Amino acid sequence: MLSNHVKLMQFFSDIKVVAGRKKLQKMIYILQACGVPFEEKFAFHKFGPYSEELSLRMEELCNLGFITEDKMEKSNYVQYQYTMTSDGVAFLEQFPLDMPDLHPYVELLQGKSSRFLELVATMLYFQDLSRHEVQQKVHIVKPKQKYNDKEFAEAWSLIDKLVQ
């Protein structure tokens, strides 16, 4: 088992459940941008930072029976929910990995919507720019989302807490 797979399993050990593929992508990207040693490569995509590597690793973990992917029928779409299986827990106990404590991050991210995490991840993607330039860039690359000043302020506040 590769260490990157074990890192994802450690994430699931801490978070328990992730509802949505987009939310999973954004959470891992945000954690990586905040210094957690996830090594997936991300590129900018329609919904912000996206990693094909992460998608493939999740598929492998599901095929191995370490993570379950449950299909949840919503009113007009399908959402996938991910949880670690008992086999995944047993495997992780045999192959511990030195990872930073994810609980503080997980607590800050878990209750946020996918839409909000998309904003935060997109802002972090352009973190080399000034805050004003980041907000302008977000409005350019995500005009349909119509993020407002209050959402930007909440996102900056979260980023400040995460990057301490």
Protein backbone atom coordinates (compact mmCIF):
# COMPACT_ATOMS: atom_id res chain seq x y z
CA MET A 1 0.00 0.00 0.00
CA LEU A 2 1.39 3.37 -0.95
CA SER A 3 1.81 6.06 1.68
CA ASN A 4 -0.50 8.45 -0.22
CA HIS A 5 -3.33 5.93 0.09
CA VAL A 6 -2.64 5.58 3.82
CA LYS A 7 -2.69 9.37 4.19
CA LEU A 8 -6.19 9.44 2.70
CA MET A 9 -7.26 6.66 5.02
CA GLN A 10 -5.91 8.66 7.97
CA PHE A 11 -8.01 11.59 6.78
CA PHE A 12 -11.11 9.36 6.78
CA SER A 13 -10.19 8.03 10.20
CA ASP A 14 -10.41 11.62 11.47
CA ILE A 15 -13.36 12.89 9.47
CA LYS A 16 -15.54 9.74 9.49
CA VAL A 17 -17.86 10.78 6.61
CA VAL A 18 -17.54 13.02 3.56
CA ALA A 19 -20.70 13.76 1.60
CA GLY A 20 -19.83 14.56 -2.00
CA ARG A 21 -17.00 14.11 -4.45
CA LYS A 22 -16.58 17.86 -4.87
CA LYS A 23 -16.43 18.36 -1.11
CA LEU A 24 -13.77 15.65 -0.81
CA GLN A 25 -11.67 17.24 -3.56
CA LYS A 26 -11.91 20.69 -1.98
CA MET A 27 -11.15 19.46 1.54
CA ILE A 28 -8.01 17.61 0.47
CA TYR A 29 -6.85 20.59 -1.61
CA ILE A 30 -7.43 23.01 1.27
CA LEU A 31 -5.57 20.75 3.70
CA GLN A 32 -2.69 20.40 1.24
CA ALA A 33 -2.56 24.18 0.74
CA CYS A 34 -2.37 24.55 4.53
CA GLY A 35 0.65 22.29 4.81
CA VAL A 36 -0.84 18.85 5.38
CA PRO A 37 1.43 16.49 3.42
CA PHE A 38 -1.02 15.23 0.81
CA GLU A 39 0.86 14.81 -2.45
CA GLU A 40 -1.90 14.75 -5.07
CA LYS A 41 -1.40 17.11 -7.99
CA PHE A 42 -4.23 19.57 -8.55
CA ALA A 43 -5.13 21.60 -11.62
CA PHE A 44 -7.77 24.29 -11.99
CA HIS A 45 -11.06 22.87 -13.24
CA LYS A 46 -14.68 23.93 -13.67
CA PHE A 47 -15.35 23.59 -9.91
CA GLY A 48 -11.96 24.89 -8.76
CA PRO A 49 -8.88 22.80 -7.91
CA TYR A 50 -9.32 19.17 -8.97
CA SER A 51 -7.05 16.13 -8.77
CA GLU A 52 -7.38 13.15 -11.07
CA GLU A 53 -4.87 11.38 -8.80
CA LEU A 54 -7.20 11.82 -5.84
CA SER A 55 -10.12 10.40 -7.82
CA LEU A 56 -8.06 7.37 -8.84
CA ARG A 57 -6.79 6.77 -5.28
CA MET A 58 -10.34 6.92 -3.96
CA GLU A 59 -11.44 4.42 -6.59
CA GLU A 60 -8.58 2.11 -5.59
CA LEU A 61 -9.42 2.41 -1.88
CA CYS A 62 -13.04 1.57 -2.66
CA ASN A 63 -12.01 -1.41 -4.81
CA LEU A 64 -9.81 -2.68 -1.96
CA GLY A 65 -12.77 -2.46 0.41
CA PHE A 66 -11.13 0.11 2.69
CA ILE A 67 -13.53 2.97 1.82
CA THR A 68 -17.20 2.73 0.89
CA GLU A 69 -18.79 4.97 -1.71
CA ASP A 70 -22.54 5.12 -1.18
CA LYS A 71 -24.76 6.68 -3.82
CA MET A 72 -27.30 9.07 -2.31
CA GLU A 73 -30.24 10.12 -4.48
CA LYS A 74 -31.01 13.81 -3.95
CA SER A 75 -33.95 15.68 -5.44
CA ASN A 76 -32.26 16.46 -8.78
CA TYR A 77 -28.79 14.93 -8.53
CA VAL A 78 -26.73 12.07 -7.11
CA GLN A 79 -24.30 12.62 -4.25
CA TYR A 80 -21.64 10.14 -3.14
CA GLN A 81 -20.89 9.60 0.52
CA TYR A 82 -17.54 8.18 1.63
CA THR A 83 -16.73 6.33 4.86
CA MET A 84 -13.92 4.06 5.99
CA THR A 85 -14.83 0.39 6.41
CA SER A 86 -13.85 -1.85 9.31
CA ASP A 87 -11.27 -3.43 6.97
CA GLY A 88 -9.87 0.05 6.36
CA VAL A 89 -9.67 0.70 10.10
CA ALA A 90 -7.90 -2.63 10.67
CA PHE A 91 -5.45 -1.94 7.84
CA LEU A 92 -4.68 1.55 9.12
CA GLU A 93 -3.94 0.15 12.59
CA GLN A 94 -1.30 -2.13 11.03
CA PHE A 95 0.32 0.63 8.98
CA PRO A 96 0.31 3.82 11.04
CA LEU A 97 1.63 6.94 9.37
CA ASP A 98 3.09 10.04 10.95
CA MET A 99 0.56 12.70 9.99
CA PRO A 100 -0.24 16.02 11.63
CA ASP A 101 -3.34 16.10 13.81
CA LEU A 102 -6.19 16.69 11.35
CA HIS A 103 -8.94 17.19 13.96
CA PRO A 104 -8.66 21.01 14.14
CA TYR A 105 -8.82 21.24 10.33
CA VAL A 106 -11.60 18.69 10.01
CA GLU A 107 -13.74 20.49 12.56
CA LEU A 108 -13.40 23.74 10.64
CA LEU A 109 -14.14 22.18 7.23
CA GLN A 110 -16.69 19.45 7.87
CA GLY A 111 -19.70 21.68 8.47
CA LYS A 112 -19.07 23.86 5.42
CA SER A 113 -20.96 23.47 2.16
CA SER A 114 -19.32 22.28 -1.03
CA ARG A 115 -20.04 25.67 -2.58
CA PHE A 116 -18.23 27.47 0.23
CA LEU A 117 -15.28 25.04 0.15
CA GLU A 118 -15.09 25.63 -3.61
CA LEU A 119 -14.68 29.34 -2.87
CA VAL A 120 -11.99 28.73 -0.23
CA ALA A 121 -10.10 26.28 -2.46
CA THR A 122 -10.24 28.66 -5.41
CA MET A 123 -8.96 31.51 -3.24
CA LEU A 124 -6.10 29.34 -2.00
CA TYR A 125 -5.32 28.34 -5.59
CA PHE A 126 -4.57 31.99 -6.31
CA GLN A 127 -2.88 32.65 -2.95
CA ASP A 128 0.18 34.25 -4.59
CA LEU A 129 -1.96 37.26 -5.47
CA SER A 130 -3.07 40.03 -3.10
CA ARG A 131 -6.41 39.53 -1.38
CA HIS A 132 -8.04 42.12 -3.63
CA GLU A 133 -6.60 40.41 -6.74
CA VAL A 134 -7.76 37.00 -5.46
CA GLN A 135 -11.33 38.25 -5.14
CA GLN A 136 -11.21 39.79 -8.61
CA LYS A 137 -9.83 36.52 -10.02
CA VAL A 138 -12.58 34.50 -8.34
CA HIS A 139 -15.22 36.75 -9.89
CA ILE A 140 -13.58 36.20 -13.30
CA VAL A 141 -13.20 32.40 -13.11
CA LYS A 142 -16.47 31.77 -11.25
CA PRO A 143 -18.95 34.42 -12.43
CA LYS A 144 -22.00 32.14 -12.11
CA GLN A 145 -21.38 31.57 -8.39
CA LYS A 146 -21.91 35.29 -7.62
CA TYR A 147 -19.93 35.17 -4.37
CA ASN A 148 -20.65 38.23 -2.22
CA ASP A 149 -18.52 40.27 0.18
CA LYS A 150 -19.87 38.41 3.21
CA GLU A 151 -18.85 35.05 1.72
CA PHE A 152 -15.39 36.38 0.90
CA ALA A 153 -15.00 37.71 4.45
CA GLU A 154 -16.05 34.33 5.90
CA ALA A 155 -13.65 32.54 3.53
CA TRP A 156 -10.73 34.83 4.50
CA SER A 157 -11.53 34.25 8.16
CA LEU A 158 -11.44 30.47 7.65
CA ILE A 159 -8.20 30.69 5.68
CA ASP A 160 -6.63 32.76 8.46
CA LYS A 161 -7.63 30.10 11.03
CA LEU A 162 -6.33 27.24 8.88
CA VAL A 163 -2.98 28.80 7.96
CA GLN A 164 -1.95 29.87 11.49
